[in-house]
C-alpha atoms as a PDB file:
ATOM      1  CA  UNK A   1      36.392   7.212   0.142  1.00  0.00           C
ATOM      2  CA  UNK A   2      35.291   7.226  -3.733  1.00  0.00           C
ATOM      3  CA  UNK A   3      32.134   8.953  -3.250  1.00  0.00           C
ATOM      4  CA  UNK A   4      33.488  12.045  -1.150  1.00  0.00           C
ATOM      5  CA  UNK A   5      36.925  12.480  -3.431  1.00  0.00           C
ATOM      6  CA  UNK A   6      36.512  12.380  -6.884  1.00  0.00           C
ATOM      7  CA  UNK A   7      40.657  11.867  -7.128  1.00  0.00           C
ATOM      8  CA  UNK A   8      39.623   8.259  -6.537  1.00  0.00           C
ATOM      9  CA  UNK A   9      37.094   7.700  -9.013  1.00  0.00           C
ATOM     10  CA  UNK A  10      37.873   6.250 -12.172  1.00  0.00           C
ATOM     11  CA  UNK A  11      37.542   7.998 -15.443  1.00  0.00           C
ATOM     12  CA  UNK A  12      37.814  11.716 -13.954  1.00  0.00           C
ATOM     13  CA  UNK A  13      40.277  14.378 -14.622  1.00  0.00           C
ATOM     14  CA  UNK A  14      40.581  15.457 -10.898  1.00  0.00           C
ATOM     15  CA  UNK A  15      43.453  13.141 -10.292  1.00  0.00           C
ATOM     16  CA  UNK A  16      46.345  14.491  -8.337  1.00  0.00           C
ATOM     17  CA  UNK A  17      49.283  15.153 -10.573  1.00  0.00           C
ATOM     18  CA  UNK A  18      51.958  15.136  -7.687  1.00  0.00           C
ATOM     19  CA  UNK A  19      52.118  12.152  -4.877  1.00  0.00           C
ATOM     20  CA  UNK A  20      52.603  15.057  -2.558  1.00  0.00           C
ATOM     21  CA  UNK A  21      49.100  16.662  -3.546  1.00  0.00           C
ATOM     22  CA  UNK A  22      47.532  13.335  -2.844  1.00  0.00           C
ATOM     23  CA  UNK A  23      48.883  13.270   0.439  1.00  0.00           C
ATOM     24  CA  UNK A  24      47.737  16.624   1.366  1.00  0.00           C
ATOM     25  CA  UNK A  25      44.533  15.792   0.110  1.00  0.00           C
ATOM     26  CA  UNK A  26      44.240  12.127   2.231  1.00  0.00           C
ATOM     27  CA  UNK A  27      45.253  14.345   5.565  1.00  0.00           C
ATOM     28  CA  UNK A  28      42.496  16.863   5.019  1.00  0.00           C
ATOM     29  CA  UNK A  29      39.798  14.445   3.999  1.00  0.00           C
ATOM     30  CA  UNK A  30      40.627  12.187   7.010  1.00  0.00           C
ATOM     31  CA  UNK A  31      40.431  15.015   9.437  1.00  0.00           C
ATOM     32  CA  UNK A  32      37.185  15.984   7.904  1.00  0.00           C
ATOM     33  CA  UNK A  33      35.587  12.484   8.164  1.00  0.00           C
ATOM     34  CA  UNK A  34      36.687  12.022  11.980  1.00  0.00           C
ATOM     35  CA  UNK A  35      36.405  15.679  13.325  1.00  0.00           C
ATOM     36  CA  UNK A  36      33.842  17.338  10.963  1.00  0.00           C
ATOM     37  CA  UNK A  37      31.413  15.048   9.699  1.00  0.00           C
ATOM     38  CA  UNK A  38      28.367  13.546  12.047  1.00  0.00           C
ATOM     39  CA  UNK A  39      27.628   9.782  11.729  1.00  0.00           C
ATOM     40  CA  UNK A  40      24.040   9.520  11.488  1.00  0.00           C
ATOM     41  CA  UNK A  41      24.148   6.050  13.533  1.00  0.00           C
ATOM     42  CA  UNK A  42      25.486   7.821  16.770  1.00  0.00           C
ATOM     43  CA  UNK A  43      24.680  11.244  15.951  1.00  0.00           C
ATOM     44  CA  UNK A  44      28.286  12.812  16.801  1.00  0.00           C
ATOM     45  CA  UNK A  45      31.878  12.736  14.764  1.00  0.00           C
ATOM     46  CA  UNK A  46      33.904   9.837  15.202  1.00  0.00           C
ATOM     47  CA  UNK A  47      36.493  12.087  17.430  1.00  0.00           C
ATOM     48  CA  UNK A  48      33.648  12.729  19.668  1.00  0.00           C
ATOM     49  CA  UNK A  49      32.643   9.291  19.965  1.00  0.00           C
ATOM     50  CA  UNK A  50      36.198   8.333  20.871  1.00  0.00           C
ATOM     51  CA  UNK A  51      36.314  11.383  23.125  1.00  0.00           C
ATOM     52  CA  UNK A  52      39.056  13.013  21.720  1.00  0.00           C
ATOM     53  CA  UNK A  53      36.809  16.559  21.197  1.00  0.00           C
ATOM     54  CA  UNK A  54      34.311  17.707  23.075  1.00  0.00           C
ATOM     55  CA  UNK A  55      32.625  19.632  19.633  1.00  0.00           C
ATOM     56  CA  UNK A  56      32.117  19.171  15.858  1.00  0.00           C
ATOM     57  CA  UNK A  57      34.942  21.092  14.341  1.00  0.00           C
ATOM     58  CA  UNK A  58      33.896  23.121  11.240  1.00  0.00           C
ATOM     59  CA  UNK A  59      36.537  23.827   8.251  1.00  0.00           C
ATOM     60  CA  UNK A  60      37.734  27.003   9.979  1.00  0.00           C
ATOM     61  CA  UNK A  61      38.964  24.671  13.033  1.00  0.00           C
ATOM     62  CA  UNK A  62      40.877  22.252  10.511  1.00  0.00           C
ATOM     63  CA  UNK A  63      42.547  25.174   8.806  1.00  0.00           C
ATOM     64  CA  UNK A  64      43.631  27.232  11.608  1.00  0.00           C
ATOM     65  CA  UNK A  65      46.500  24.949  12.443  1.00  0.00           C
ATOM     66  CA  UNK A  66      47.694  24.502   8.982  1.00  0.00           C
ATOM     67  CA  UNK A  67      47.617  28.339   8.333  1.00  0.00           C
ATOM     68  CA  UNK A  68      49.764  28.883  12.145  1.00  0.00           C
ATOM     69  CA  UNK A  69      52.078  26.308  10.842  1.00  0.00           C
ATOM     70  CA  UNK A  70      52.622  27.834   7.525  1.00  0.00           C
ATOM     71  CA  UNK A  71      53.187  31.159   9.297  1.00  0.00           C
ATOM     72  CA  UNK A  72      55.745  30.190  11.672  1.00  0.00           C
ATOM     73  CA  UNK A  73      57.616  27.821   9.221  1.00  0.00           C
ATOM     74  CA  UNK A  74      58.007  31.153   6.938  1.00  0.00           C
ATOM     75  CA  UNK A  75      59.284  33.055   9.889  1.00  0.00           C
ATOM     76  CA  UNK A  76      62.090  30.387   9.994  1.00  0.00           C
ATOM     77  CA  UNK A  77      62.980  30.553   6.795  1.00  0.00           C
ATOM     78  CA  UNK A  78      64.063  34.543   6.879  1.00  0.00           C
END
């Protein structure tokens, strides 16, 4: 994880200033790692190997549910 996210590397200014930002960063990383990153040993993502999905996701597939949730959440506030 430290190799992919500078928030966890030592002696860097890329740390999270709020715990909420750290949690969001971890969620995005875990989603990318499991659904969008190809594992070289099995030549598919861990989610594909576990048969949770049949396709390799891209960043648009990860961001789309977040944007949809944000739009519906803002609609409820008004």
